[in-house]
Amino acid sequence: MKLKGNFVIKKIADETVAIHVNGNVADLRGAISLKGSAETIFSALLKGAKKEEIVNLLAETYHISNSTAETDTENFLKMLYNNNLLEG
């Protein structure tokens, strides 16, 4: 599982966003607002983490059960896939 394209995560004012970068150009039209666990998951994907690693990271970071972390991870990954932002 891998993000399609190159992304950077930036703080803009009080919001965290993922921005698609093509070469030296950032496409702000497709900026994705990241809050809470979405930022954690997206950051982990940028580092090449596997689903199981992300689930464990969420469970540890937010002190939630692995079952809840897995559901949250699957829902976010499904949203990325449905928006053509995730390979595999």
C-alpha atoms as a PDB file:
ATOM      1  CA  MET A   1       0.000   0.000   0.000  1.00  0.00           C
ATOM      2  CA  LYS A   2       1.463   3.290  -1.120  1.00  0.00           C
ATOM      3  CA  LEU A   3       0.271   6.823  -1.709  1.00  0.00           C
ATOM      4  CA  LYS A   4      -0.044   7.837  -5.359  1.00  0.00           C
ATOM      5  CA  GLY A   5       2.261  10.730  -6.042  1.00  0.00           C
ATOM      6  CA  ASN A   6       4.421  12.824  -3.770  1.00  0.00           C
ATOM      7  CA  PHE A   7       2.950  14.561  -0.747  1.00  0.00           C
ATOM      8  CA  VAL A   8       4.225  16.809   1.999  1.00  0.00           C
ATOM      9  CA  ILE A   9       2.511  17.596   5.273  1.00  0.00           C
ATOM     10  CA  LYS A  10       2.451  21.255   6.262  1.00  0.00           C
ATOM     11  CA  LYS A  11       0.935  23.374   8.995  1.00  0.00           C
ATOM     12  CA  ILE A  12      -1.030  26.255   7.503  1.00  0.00           C
ATOM     13  CA  ALA A  13      -2.303  28.600  10.190  1.00  0.00           C
ATOM     14  CA  ASP A  14      -3.822  26.192  12.731  1.00  0.00           C
ATOM     15  CA  GLU A  15      -4.566  23.427  10.245  1.00  0.00           C
ATOM     16  CA  THR A  16      -2.459  20.472   9.108  1.00  0.00           C
ATOM     17  CA  VAL A  17      -2.741  19.615   5.419  1.00  0.00           C
ATOM     18  CA  ALA A  18      -1.256  17.104   3.007  1.00  0.00           C
ATOM     19  CA  ILE A  19      -0.265  18.774  -0.244  1.00  0.00           C
ATOM     20  CA  HIS A  20       0.415  16.962  -3.505  1.00  0.00           C
ATOM     21  CA  VAL A  21       3.743  18.013  -5.008  1.00  0.00           C
ATOM     22  CA  ASN A  22       4.627  17.556  -8.671  1.00  0.00           C
ATOM     23  CA  GLY A  23       8.271  18.383  -9.245  1.00  0.00           C
ATOM     24  CA  ASN A  24       8.810  21.728  -7.543  1.00  0.00           C
ATOM     25  CA  VAL A  25       5.141  22.738  -7.746  1.00  0.00           C
ATOM     26  CA  ALA A  26       2.625  22.238  -4.938  1.00  0.00           C
ATOM     27  CA  ASP A  27      -0.985  21.697  -6.014  1.00  0.00           C
ATOM     28  CA  LEU A  28      -3.033  23.421  -3.320  1.00  0.00           C
ATOM     29  CA  ARG A  29      -6.310  22.603  -5.091  1.00  0.00           C
ATOM     30  CA  GLY A  30      -5.977  19.031  -3.874  1.00  0.00           C
ATOM     31  CA  ALA A  31      -4.874  19.818  -0.320  1.00  0.00           C
ATOM     32  CA  ILE A  32      -6.204  17.325   2.217  1.00  0.00           C
ATOM     33  CA  SER A  33      -7.065  18.541   5.702  1.00  0.00           C
ATOM     34  CA  LEU A  34      -5.654  16.168   8.333  1.00  0.00           C
ATOM     35  CA  LYS A  35      -6.989  16.049  11.878  1.00  0.00           C
ATOM     36  CA  GLY A  36      -6.179  13.647  14.688  1.00  0.00           C
ATOM     37  CA  SER A  37      -5.645  10.086  13.582  1.00  0.00           C
ATOM     38  CA  ALA A  38      -5.789  11.082   9.892  1.00  0.00           C
ATOM     39  CA  GLU A  39      -2.542  13.011  10.332  1.00  0.00           C
ATOM     40  CA  THR A  40      -0.959  10.045  12.117  1.00  0.00           C
ATOM     41  CA  ILE A  41      -2.027   7.593   9.404  1.00  0.00           C
ATOM     42  CA  PHE A  42      -0.987   9.854   6.515  1.00  0.00           C
ATOM     43  CA  SER A  43       2.405  10.544   8.099  1.00  0.00           C
ATOM     44  CA  ALA A  44       2.947   6.813   8.588  1.00  0.00           C
ATOM     45  CA  LEU A  45       2.047   6.140   4.944  1.00  0.00           C
ATOM     46  CA  LEU A  46       4.597   8.749   3.832  1.00  0.00           C
ATOM     47  CA  LYS A  47       7.216   6.794   5.783  1.00  0.00           C
ATOM     48  CA  GLY A  48       6.209   3.531   4.080  1.00  0.00           C
ATOM     49  CA  ALA A  49       4.430   1.940   7.043  1.00  0.00           C
ATOM     50  CA  LYS A  50       2.359  -1.178   6.494  1.00  0.00           C
ATOM     51  CA  LYS A  51      -1.256  -1.430   7.660  1.00  0.00           C
ATOM     52  CA  GLU A  52      -0.370  -3.501  10.721  1.00  0.00           C
ATOM     53  CA  GLU A  53       2.248  -0.953  11.761  1.00  0.00           C
ATOM     54  CA  ILE A  54      -0.282   1.868  11.408  1.00  0.00           C
ATOM     55  CA  VAL A  55      -2.855  -0.013  13.494  1.00  0.00           C
ATOM     56  CA  ASN A  56      -0.293  -0.542  16.260  1.00  0.00           C
ATOM     57  CA  LEU A  57       0.783   3.115  16.072  1.00  0.00           C
ATOM     58  CA  LEU A  58      -2.803   4.343  16.437  1.00  0.00           C
ATOM     59  CA  ALA A  59      -3.511   1.984  19.329  1.00  0.00           C
ATOM     60  CA  GLU A  60      -0.401   3.179  21.186  1.00  0.00           C
ATOM     61  CA  THR A  61      -0.725   6.886  20.335  1.00  0.00           C
ATOM     62  CA  TYR A  62      -4.423   7.265  21.145  1.00  0.00           C
ATOM     63  CA  HIS A  63      -4.718   4.527  23.817  1.00  0.00           C
ATOM     64  CA  ILE A  64      -7.431   2.665  21.921  1.00  0.00           C
ATOM     65  CA  SER A  65      -8.017  -1.018  21.260  1.00  0.00           C
ATOM     66  CA  ASN A  66      -6.406  -2.677  18.258  1.00  0.00           C
ATOM     67  CA  SER A  67      -9.902  -3.368  16.952  1.00  0.00           C
ATOM     68  CA  THR A  68     -10.827   0.330  17.021  1.00  0.00           C
ATOM     69  CA  ALA A  69      -7.452   1.284  15.537  1.00  0.00           C
ATOM     70  CA  GLU A  70      -7.920  -1.247  12.738  1.00  0.00           C
ATOM     71  CA  THR A  71     -11.401   0.069  11.922  1.00  0.00           C
ATOM     72  CA  ASP A  72     -10.141   3.671  11.874  1.00  0.00           C
ATOM     73  CA  THR A  73      -7.186   2.709   9.690  1.00  0.00           C
ATOM     74  CA  GLU A  74      -9.320   0.723   7.246  1.00  0.00           C
ATOM     75  CA  ASN A  75     -11.854   3.561   6.945  1.00  0.00           C
ATOM     76  CA  PHE A  76      -9.158   6.139   6.207  1.00  0.00           C
ATOM     77  CA  LEU A  77      -7.358   3.885   3.732  1.00  0.00           C
ATOM     78  CA  LYS A  78     -10.664   3.172   1.980  1.00  0.00           C
ATOM     79  CA  MET A  79     -11.321   6.915   1.672  1.00  0.00           C
ATOM     80  CA  LEU A  80      -7.852   7.434   0.156  1.00  0.00           C
ATOM     81  CA  TYR A  81      -8.367   4.514  -2.244  1.00  0.00           C
ATOM     82  CA  ASN A  82     -11.831   5.728  -3.282  1.00  0.00           C
ATOM     83  CA  ASN A  83     -10.311   9.136  -4.064  1.00  0.00           C
ATOM     84  CA  ASN A  84      -7.583   7.544  -6.185  1.00  0.00           C
ATOM     85  CA  LEU A  85      -4.818   8.526  -3.748  1.00  0.00           C
ATOM     86  CA  LEU A  86      -3.713   5.043  -2.730  1.00  0.00           C
ATOM     87  CA  GLU A  87      -2.144   2.220  -4.724  1.00  0.00           C
ATOM     88  CA  GLY A  88      -2.885  -1.403  -3.902  1.00  0.00           C
END
